[in-house]
Amino acid sequence: MSHRIYFNKGQQLNRRTVLKGAGVALSLPWLSAMQRAFATSAENTPPKRFVAMTLGLGLLGENLNPKESGKDYKTSLYLKQVQDLRDKFTVVSGSSHPDVSGGHRAEASILSAQPMGSGGQAKNTVSLDQFMAKHLGHHTRFPSLVLASRGTNSPSYTENGSMIPAQDSPSKLFSQLFIDDSPAEQQRQAHRLQEGRSIMDLVRDDSKRLAKKLGKGDQNRLDEYLTSVRDLENRMAASEEWAMRSKPKVDYQKPVDIKNPNDFVGYQRLMTDMVRLALQTDSTRFITYHLGGSGGVVPLEGVREGYHALSHHGRDEEKLEQLALVEQAIIGAWGDFMRDLNSIEENGHSLLDQTSVFMTSNLGNGSNHDNRNMPVLLAGGGFKHGQHLAFDQRNNYPLPNMYVSLLQNLGIETDQWKTATGTMTGLEMG
């Protein structure tokens, strides 16, 4: 399949190019066209990106995790089909989110690492992908994409703890990414955004008048609010500029959504094609794709029972054999996605080298809903890979430490994420 991207003929752009209009100055994002203008410049280094792929029903640890730790591990059943990518990923065992429990309810905590309680009454906090998008998402048309295989549930949460609904249609996502709106619709979008910005102006002016009547403590809280208003204004100004700009063109036909709701792996492959195109065109740099659990029979040879029922195997041998077939297919599709990213060159770097691809699940054991010993695979991103980081299966290592490593990899200066104690031991940059 071709991976060509098309830009306007002869376009050459300075990395510091600023778009001006209506009192707004907007720095351009990194574009492939900038390669031709500054092919030898250090500024031309392709941007870092992040993809989270989250599974609703887990992966069998006995089939995923090698028995040996370090670089000389013997390939496990699931990893045999990605043996050619061995130096491109790290497998982690014996890790989880401290104090997170609740079985399936812990889906909300996959990327936030926020304990929600067994009843789910606690309020969630911002998820890792949205934290990244807040700091770095302004460079692209879409600060982030939140996707799912079926339904709108996602592990992506805003700063106030609200879940971001997922897009589960590859065809609609393709249109959103690559099909230009009509001029009339572009004007309507810009007008709606301008109206919103004028409302923000009113709120800001009223808030400044109110500040004169408040004590110091309330003034500080109001200042935090005004900061969030200014951030929203900036995001709206950027959205207005993008609404009037043409979308990239790709050598890929608009997909047809898969009608069989049980074709879990087929859907995974189609959606990750869209993820690859979104990354390749720099339409966004932060993507979360939630692969929830299909209830029906996945159309794979040898599979006779529903995927969800197989995940509750109770150590039944026939169920375990069928579940292994489904999960092998999931890892196989993940491997093909890695190969696609690795085959795409971006100014001397592969797209995989520039993209941290993180796969995990809230369930370490889907059969008994145990949230410990989460399955963890991390590929790309410029890390030193080809290893199995094996931590204590009884006293789990804090997975939020990996989140700190991922944030630092993006250039976000922090040494904290919820219950993290630092960066992840053994995970180093290449």
Protein backbone atom coordinates (compact mmCIF):
# COMPACT_ATOMS: atom_id res chain seq x y z
CA MET A 1 0.00 0.00 0.00
CA SER A 2 1.33 3.46 -0.87
CA HIS A 3 2.08 5.89 1.94
CA ARG A 4 2.42 9.05 -0.14
CA ILE A 5 1.28 12.44 1.15
CA TYR A 6 0.64 15.39 -1.15
CA PHE A 7 1.25 19.08 -0.45
CA ASN A 8 0.98 22.11 -2.70
CA LYS A 9 3.56 22.10 -5.49
CA GLY A 10 6.70 24.10 -4.75
CA GLN A 11 5.69 24.89 -1.17
CA GLN A 12 8.64 25.81 1.03
CA LEU A 13 8.06 27.07 4.55
CA ASN A 14 10.24 28.61 7.21
CA ARG A 15 9.86 26.78 10.52
CA ARG A 16 9.17 30.15 12.18
CA THR A 17 6.42 31.10 9.74
CA VAL A 18 3.56 32.85 11.53
CA LEU A 19 0.02 33.20 10.22
CA LYS A 20 -1.55 36.57 10.98
CA GLY A 21 -5.13 37.66 10.75
CA ALA A 22 -7.88 39.28 12.82
CA GLY A 23 -5.35 40.18 15.48
CA VAL A 24 -4.18 36.57 15.86
CA ALA A 25 -0.60 35.40 15.34
CA LEU A 26 -0.33 31.63 14.96
CA SER A 27 2.90 29.70 14.56
CA LEU A 28 2.66 26.95 11.98
CA PRO A 29 2.99 23.32 13.05
CA TRP A 30 5.76 21.09 11.74
CA LEU A 31 4.98 20.24 8.11
CA SER A 32 6.71 17.97 5.64
CA ALA A 33 7.14 20.99 3.34
CA MET A 34 9.57 22.43 5.89
CA GLN A 35 12.00 19.61 5.12
CA ARG A 36 12.78 21.11 1.73
CA ALA A 37 13.41 24.56 3.13
CA PHE A 38 15.61 23.49 6.05
CA ALA A 39 16.81 19.99 5.26
CA THR A 40 19.97 20.35 7.37
CA SER A 41 18.53 22.36 10.24
CA ALA A 42 18.30 20.95 13.77
CA GLU A 43 14.89 22.62 13.90
CA ASN A 44 13.74 20.17 11.25
CA THR A 45 13.74 17.19 13.62
CA PRO A 46 10.33 15.49 13.29
CA PRO A 47 8.06 15.87 16.31
CA LYS A 48 7.49 13.25 18.97
CA ARG A 49 4.11 11.54 19.06
CA PHE A 50 2.14 9.20 21.33
CA VAL A 51 -0.44 6.47 20.70
CA ALA A 52 -2.20 4.57 23.50
CA MET A 53 -3.98 1.34 22.59
CA THR A 54 -6.08 0.13 25.53
CA LEU A 55 -7.73 -3.28 25.76
CA GLY A 56 -10.95 -3.86 27.66
CA LEU A 57 -10.39 -7.58 28.32
CA GLY A 58 -6.66 -7.84 28.98
CA LEU A 59 -4.11 -10.31 27.62
CA LEU A 60 -3.08 -13.65 29.12
CA GLY A 61 0.14 -12.92 30.96
CA GLU A 62 1.36 -16.51 30.69
CA ASN A 63 1.25 -16.24 26.88
CA LEU A 64 2.50 -12.66 26.63
CA ASN A 65 5.28 -12.27 29.17
CA PRO A 66 8.61 -14.10 28.66
CA LYS A 67 9.82 -16.23 31.55
CA GLU A 68 13.26 -14.61 31.46
CA SER A 69 13.99 -10.94 32.15
CA GLY A 70 16.39 -8.65 30.33
CA LYS A 71 17.46 -8.74 26.69
CA ASP A 72 18.11 -12.49 26.38
CA TYR A 73 14.55 -13.62 26.96
CA LYS A 74 13.03 -16.52 25.02
CA THR A 75 10.18 -15.34 22.85
CA SER A 76 6.73 -16.03 24.33
CA LEU A 77 3.78 -17.48 22.39
CA TYR A 78 2.28 -14.09 21.59
CA LEU A 79 5.58 -12.40 20.76
CA LYS A 80 6.70 -15.02 18.22
CA GLN A 81 4.78 -13.27 15.45
CA VAL A 82 6.56 -9.96 16.18
CA GLN A 83 10.03 -11.46 16.56
CA ASP A 84 11.28 -9.31 13.66
CA LEU A 85 10.35 -6.22 15.73
CA ARG A 86 12.05 -7.43 18.91
CA ASP A 87 14.48 -4.48 19.01
CA LYS A 88 11.60 -2.05 18.55
CA PHE A 89 9.57 -2.80 21.69
CA THR A 90 9.78 -3.50 25.42
CA VAL A 91 7.52 -5.88 27.32
CA VAL A 92 6.84 -5.06 30.97
CA SER A 93 5.44 -7.45 33.56
CA GLY A 94 4.69 -7.04 37.26
CA SER A 95 3.39 -3.47 37.04
CA SER A 96 0.05 -1.80 37.78
CA HIS A 97 -1.52 1.41 39.07
CA PRO A 98 -1.17 1.63 42.88
CA ASP A 99 -4.49 1.63 44.75
CA VAL A 100 -6.51 1.17 41.55
CA SER A 101 -9.13 -1.59 41.73
CA GLY A 102 -12.71 -2.19 40.62
CA GLY A 103 -12.30 -4.66 37.76
CA HIS A 104 -13.90 -3.30 34.60
CA ARG A 105 -14.52 0.06 36.30
CA ALA A 106 -10.78 0.60 36.30
CA GLU A 107 -10.99 1.30 32.56
CA ALA A 108 -11.42 4.90 33.66
CA SER A 109 -8.01 4.76 35.34
CA ILE A 110 -5.94 3.21 32.54
CA LEU A 111 -4.42 6.52 31.47
CA SER A 112 -5.14 8.65 34.52
CA ALA A 113 -3.85 6.17 37.18
CA GLN A 114 -6.44 7.74 39.46
CA PRO A 115 -7.97 5.36 42.08
CA MET A 116 -11.71 5.32 41.46
CA GLY A 117 -12.84 2.97 44.22
CA SER A 118 -14.69 -0.31 43.75
CA GLY A 119 -17.96 1.55 43.34
CA GLY A 120 -16.54 4.14 40.97
CA GLN A 121 -17.71 7.05 43.13
CA ALA A 122 -14.39 8.92 43.11
CA LYS A 123 -13.87 11.71 40.58
CA ASN A 124 -11.39 11.04 37.83
CA THR A 125 -8.57 13.37 36.79
CA VAL A 126 -6.89 14.23 33.51
CA SER A 127 -5.63 11.30 31.44
CA LEU A 128 -2.09 11.06 30.13
CA ASP A 129 -3.02 11.70 26.49
CA GLN A 130 -5.02 14.82 27.34
CA PHE A 131 -2.24 16.16 29.54
CA MET A 132 0.12 15.77 26.58
CA ALA A 133 -2.39 17.42 24.26
CA LYS A 134 -2.82 20.36 26.65
CA HIS A 135 0.90 21.10 26.54
CA LEU A 136 1.72 20.20 22.92
CA GLY A 137 -1.51 19.65 21.01
CA HIS A 138 -1.72 23.21 19.67
CA HIS A 139 0.73 22.41 16.86
CA THR A 140 -1.78 20.35 14.86
CA ARG A 141 -5.30 20.62 13.47
CA PHE A 142 -6.53 18.14 16.08
CA PRO A 143 -4.90 18.45 19.53
CA SER A 144 -5.78 14.79 20.08
CA LEU A 145 -7.93 11.99 18.71
CA VAL A 146 -9.97 9.68 20.92
CA LEU A 147 -11.08 6.51 19.14
CA ALA A 148 -12.77 3.21 19.98
CA SER A 149 -13.66 -0.06 18.29
CA ARG A 150 -17.31 0.05 19.33
CA GLY A 151 -19.26 2.67 21.26
CA THR A 152 -18.15 5.97 22.76
CA ASN A 153 -16.50 4.83 26.00
CA SER A 154 -12.86 5.83 26.34
CA PRO A 155 -10.10 6.11 28.96
CA SER A 156 -9.50 9.77 27.97
CA TYR A 157 -10.54 12.35 30.57
CA THR A 158 -10.44 16.13 30.79
CA GLU A 159 -8.93 18.09 33.65
CA ASN A 160 -12.29 18.23 35.41
CA GLY A 161 -12.69 14.45 35.18
CA SER A 162 -15.15 14.24 32.31
CA MET A 163 -14.80 11.36 29.86
CA ILE A 164 -14.15 12.35 26.24
CA PRO A 165 -16.50 10.36 23.95
CA ALA A 166 -14.70 8.27 21.35
CA GLN A 167 -15.15 8.18 17.58
CA ASP A 168 -15.79 4.57 16.54
CA SER A 169 -16.34 4.98 12.77
CA PRO A 170 -13.21 4.74 10.59
CA SER A 171 -15.12 6.24 7.63
CA LYS A 172 -16.25 9.28 9.65
CA LEU A 173 -12.75 9.68 11.02
CA PHE A 174 -11.34 9.62 7.49
CA SER A 175 -13.75 12.38 6.44
CA GLN A 176 -12.86 14.40 9.52
CA LEU A 177 -9.15 14.10 8.74
CA PHE A 178 -8.94 14.34 4.96
CA ILE A 179 -12.14 15.58 3.27
CA ASP A 180 -12.46 19.36 3.09
CA ASP A 181 -15.66 20.98 4.23
CA SER A 182 -17.50 23.13 1.72
CA PRO A 183 -16.61 26.86 1.76
CA ALA A 184 -20.00 27.60 3.29
CA GLU A 185 -19.42 25.08 6.09
CA GLN A 186 -15.93 26.48 6.69
CA GLN A 187 -17.45 29.95 7.11
CA ARG A 188 -20.11 28.60 9.48
CA GLN A 189 -17.43 26.91 11.60
CA ALA A 190 -15.33 30.06 11.70
CA HIS A 191 -18.38 32.14 12.64
CA ARG A 192 -19.29 29.77 15.48
CA LEU A 193 -15.74 29.96 16.79
CA GLN A 194 -15.72 33.77 16.54
CA GLU A 195 -18.95 33.90 18.54
CA GLY A 196 -17.37 31.71 21.17
CA ARG A 197 -14.33 33.95 21.35
CA SER A 198 -16.49 37.03 21.86
CA ILE A 199 -18.18 35.26 24.77
CA MET A 200 -14.76 34.57 26.26
CA ASP A 201 -13.94 38.29 25.94
CA LEU A 202 -17.07 39.15 27.92
CA VAL A 203 -16.29 36.61 30.61
CA ARG A 204 -12.74 37.90 30.89
CA ASP A 205 -13.82 41.55 31.24
CA ASP A 206 -16.44 40.69 33.84
CA SER A 207 -13.92 38.66 35.78
CA LYS A 208 -11.44 41.54 35.89
CA ARG A 209 -14.11 43.84 37.31
CA LEU A 210 -15.02 41.22 39.87
CA ALA A 211 -11.38 40.79 40.95
CA LYS A 212 -11.34 44.31 42.45
CA LYS A 213 -13.97 43.21 44.99
CA LEU A 214 -12.28 39.96 46.10
CA GLY A 215 -9.80 39.02 48.80
CA LYS A 216 -6.34 37.74 47.97
CA GLY A 217 -7.29 34.04 48.18
CA ASP A 218 -10.25 34.49 45.84
CA GLN A 219 -8.15 36.64 43.53
CA ASN A 220 -5.66 33.77 43.19
CA ARG A 221 -8.44 31.33 42.37
CA LEU A 222 -9.90 33.81 39.89
CA ASP A 223 -6.48 34.22 38.29
CA GLU A 224 -6.33 30.46 37.75
CA TYR A 225 -9.72 30.68 36.11
CA LEU A 226 -8.63 33.56 33.86
CA THR A 227 -5.60 31.53 32.83
CA SER A 228 -7.90 28.72 31.72
CA VAL A 229 -10.02 31.26 29.82
CA ARG A 230 -6.94 32.54 28.00
CA ASP A 231 -5.97 28.96 27.14
CA LEU A 232 -9.44 28.37 25.73
CA GLU A 233 -9.21 31.59 23.68
CA ASN A 234 -5.91 30.45 22.22
CA ARG A 235 -7.35 27.05 21.32
CA MET A 236 -10.38 28.67 19.70
CA ALA A 237 -8.17 31.06 17.70
CA ALA A 238 -6.13 28.10 16.44
CA SER A 239 -9.32 26.20 15.57
CA GLU A 240 -10.54 29.18 13.55
CA GLU A 241 -7.34 29.18 11.49
CA TRP A 242 -7.53 25.42 10.88
CA ALA A 243 -11.20 25.64 9.84
CA MET A 244 -10.20 27.74 6.84
CA ARG A 245 -7.16 25.67 5.86
CA SER A 246 -7.24 22.78 3.39
CA LYS A 247 -6.80 19.28 4.77
CA PRO A 248 -3.96 17.01 3.58
CA LYS A 249 -4.59 14.65 0.67
CA VAL A 250 -3.70 10.97 1.01
CA ASP A 251 -3.36 8.08 -1.42
CA TYR A 252 -6.02 6.04 0.36
CA GLN A 253 -9.68 5.51 -0.46
CA LYS A 254 -12.28 6.36 2.14
CA PRO A 255 -12.85 3.12 4.10
CA VAL A 256 -16.12 1.30 4.47
CA ASP A 257 -16.97 0.52 8.09
CA ILE A 258 -17.03 -3.17 8.99
CA LYS A 259 -20.61 -4.27 9.53
CA ASN A 260 -19.89 -7.38 11.62
CA PRO A 261 -19.70 -6.04 15.21
CA ASN A 262 -17.78 -9.15 16.28
CA ASP A 263 -14.92 -8.71 13.79
CA PHE A 264 -12.72 -7.35 16.54
CA VAL A 265 -9.39 -7.80 14.78
CA GLY A 266 -10.63 -6.62 11.38
CA TYR A 267 -11.88 -3.45 13.03
CA GLN A 268 -8.55 -3.04 14.82
CA ARG A 269 -6.66 -3.23 11.53
CA LEU A 270 -8.94 -0.73 9.80
CA MET A 271 -8.80 1.79 12.64
CA THR A 272 -5.03 1.55 13.01
CA ASP A 273 -4.78 2.33 9.28
CA MET A 274 -6.56 5.60 10.09
CA VAL A 275 -4.25 6.16 13.06
CA ARG A 276 -1.22 5.71 10.82
CA LEU A 277 -2.57 8.21 8.28
CA ALA A 278 -3.33 10.75 11.02
CA LEU A 279 0.23 10.50 12.33
CA GLN A 280 1.82 10.50 8.88
CA THR A 281 0.04 13.71 7.86
CA ASP A 282 0.74 15.31 11.26
CA SER A 283 -2.99 15.87 11.68
CA THR A 284 -2.51 15.09 15.36
CA ARG A 285 0.28 13.83 17.60
CA PHE A 286 -1.72 12.27 20.42
CA ILE A 287 -4.12 9.39 19.84
CA THR A 288 -5.95 7.05 22.17
CA TYR A 289 -7.62 3.97 20.71
CA HIS A 290 -9.76 1.89 23.09
CA LEU A 291 -10.34 -1.70 21.99
CA GLY A 292 -13.25 -2.69 24.19
CA GLY A 293 -14.36 -6.29 24.50
CA SER A 294 -16.63 -7.73 21.81
CA GLY A 295 -19.34 -9.97 23.20
CA GLY A 296 -19.77 -12.14 20.11
CA VAL A 297 -17.67 -14.76 18.37
CA VAL A 298 -14.62 -13.22 16.68
CA PRO A 299 -14.52 -14.62 13.10
CA LEU A 300 -11.26 -16.56 13.41
CA GLU A 301 -10.67 -20.21 12.61
CA GLY A 302 -10.92 -22.33 15.75
CA VAL A 303 -12.90 -19.74 17.75
CA ARG A 304 -16.40 -20.89 18.65
CA GLU A 305 -17.35 -18.85 21.73
CA GLY A 306 -17.79 -15.14 22.37
CA TYR A 307 -14.69 -13.08 23.15
CA HIS A 308 -16.05 -11.74 26.45
CA ALA A 309 -17.07 -15.22 27.58
CA LEU A 310 -13.60 -16.54 26.68
CA SER A 311 -11.96 -13.86 28.80
CA HIS A 312 -13.87 -15.34 31.76
CA HIS A 313 -12.23 -18.68 31.13
CA GLY A 314 -12.00 -19.97 34.72
CA ARG A 315 -8.89 -21.89 33.57
CA ASP A 316 -11.01 -24.04 31.25
CA GLU A 317 -8.54 -25.46 28.70
CA GLU A 318 -10.83 -25.16 25.67
CA LYS A 319 -11.63 -21.54 26.50
CA LEU A 320 -7.95 -20.75 27.04
CA GLU A 321 -7.05 -22.22 23.65
CA GLN A 322 -9.70 -20.14 21.89
CA LEU A 323 -8.79 -17.01 23.83
CA ALA A 324 -5.16 -17.46 22.80
CA LEU A 325 -6.22 -17.48 19.14
CA VAL A 326 -8.04 -14.17 19.56
CA GLU A 327 -5.22 -12.53 21.50
CA GLN A 328 -2.57 -13.78 19.07
CA ALA A 329 -4.54 -12.11 16.29
CA ILE A 330 -4.67 -8.87 18.30
CA ILE A 331 -0.90 -8.90 18.79
CA GLY A 332 -0.44 -9.81 15.12
CA ALA A 333 -2.44 -6.75 14.03
CA TRP A 334 -0.49 -4.61 16.50
CA GLY A 335 2.71 -5.92 14.94
CA ASP A 336 1.56 -4.99 11.43
CA PHE A 337 0.78 -1.48 12.67
CA MET A 338 4.35 -1.26 14.04
CA ARG A 339 5.75 -2.44 10.72
CA ASP A 340 3.76 0.21 8.86
CA LEU A 341 5.08 2.97 11.13
CA ASN A 342 8.60 1.61 10.86
CA SER A 343 8.44 1.66 7.05
CA ILE A 344 7.61 5.36 6.85
CA GLU A 345 10.63 7.68 6.79
CA GLU A 346 10.38 11.19 8.15
CA ASN A 347 13.55 13.21 7.51
CA GLY A 348 15.93 10.38 8.33
CA HIS A 349 13.82 8.90 11.12
CA SER A 350 11.15 6.23 10.97
CA LEU A 351 7.68 7.25 12.10
CA LEU A 352 7.91 4.48 14.70
CA ASP A 353 11.11 5.96 16.14
CA GLN A 354 9.23 9.24 16.61
CA THR A 355 6.06 7.66 18.04
CA SER A 356 5.70 5.99 21.44
CA VAL A 357 3.07 3.27 20.99
CA PHE A 358 1.77 2.03 24.32
CA MET A 359 -0.53 -0.99 24.69
CA THR A 360 -2.08 -2.03 28.00
CA SER A 361 -5.31 -3.01 29.75
CA ASN A 362 -6.86 -2.28 33.11
CA LEU A 363 -7.24 -6.05 33.57
CA GLY A 364 -4.23 -8.17 34.40
CA ASN A 365 -6.57 -11.14 34.66
CA GLY A 366 -9.87 -10.84 32.82
CA SER A 367 -11.25 -14.02 34.34
CA ASN A 368 -11.27 -12.72 37.92
CA HIS A 369 -11.20 -8.97 37.14
CA ASP A 370 -7.81 -8.48 38.79
CA ASN A 371 -6.29 -5.06 38.08
CA ARG A 372 -2.78 -6.08 39.09
CA ASN A 373 -0.06 -7.30 36.70
CA MET A 374 -1.35 -5.27 33.77
CA PRO A 375 -0.18 -6.35 30.30
CA VAL A 376 2.24 -3.72 29.00
CA LEU A 377 3.95 -3.29 25.63
CA LEU A 378 5.82 -0.14 24.65
CA ALA A 379 7.19 0.32 21.14
CA GLY A 380 9.09 3.06 19.35
CA GLY A 381 9.56 6.56 20.66
CA GLY A 382 13.35 6.43 20.55
CA PHE A 383 13.66 4.29 23.69
CA LYS A 384 16.20 1.47 24.08
CA HIS A 385 14.08 -1.61 23.46
CA GLY A 386 14.57 -5.33 22.93
CA GLN A 387 14.05 -6.21 26.58
CA HIS A 388 11.67 -7.65 29.15
CA LEU A 389 11.40 -5.51 32.27
CA ALA A 390 10.19 -8.07 34.81
CA PHE A 391 9.02 -6.61 38.11
CA ASP A 392 7.52 -8.29 41.18
CA GLN A 393 4.26 -10.12 40.43
CA ARG A 394 3.20 -9.88 44.09
CA ASN A 395 4.39 -6.38 44.90
CA ASN A 396 3.83 -4.60 41.61
CA TYR A 397 5.99 -1.81 40.27
CA PRO A 398 4.13 1.53 39.75
CA LEU A 399 3.20 1.81 36.07
CA PRO A 400 2.77 5.61 36.45
CA ASN A 401 6.58 5.73 36.44
CA MET A 402 6.42 4.83 32.75
CA TYR A 403 4.06 7.76 32.25
CA VAL A 404 6.69 10.10 33.68
CA SER A 405 9.24 8.62 31.24
CA LEU A 406 6.81 9.14 28.35
CA LEU A 407 6.17 12.77 29.34
CA GLN A 408 9.88 13.50 29.61
CA ASN A 409 10.41 11.84 26.23
CA LEU A 410 8.09 14.47 24.75
CA GLY A 411 10.07 17.26 26.38
CA ILE A 412 7.53 17.95 29.14
CA GLU A 413 9.58 18.72 32.24
CA THR A 414 8.00 16.81 35.09
CA ASP A 415 8.98 14.08 37.51
CA GLN A 416 5.45 13.37 38.75
CA TRP A 417 2.31 11.59 37.60
CA LYS A 418 -0.23 10.65 40.25
CA THR A 419 1.33 7.78 42.25
CA ALA A 420 4.63 7.74 40.33
CA THR A 421 7.89 7.58 42.27
CA GLY A 422 10.10 8.70 39.37
CA THR A 423 10.87 7.48 35.85
CA MET A 424 10.62 3.78 34.98
CA THR A 425 13.59 1.71 36.06
CA GLY A 426 15.34 0.14 33.07
CA LEU A 427 13.55 2.22 30.43
CA GLU A 428 16.15 4.45 28.82
CA MET A 429 16.32 6.70 25.79
CA GLY A 430 18.33 5.50 22.80
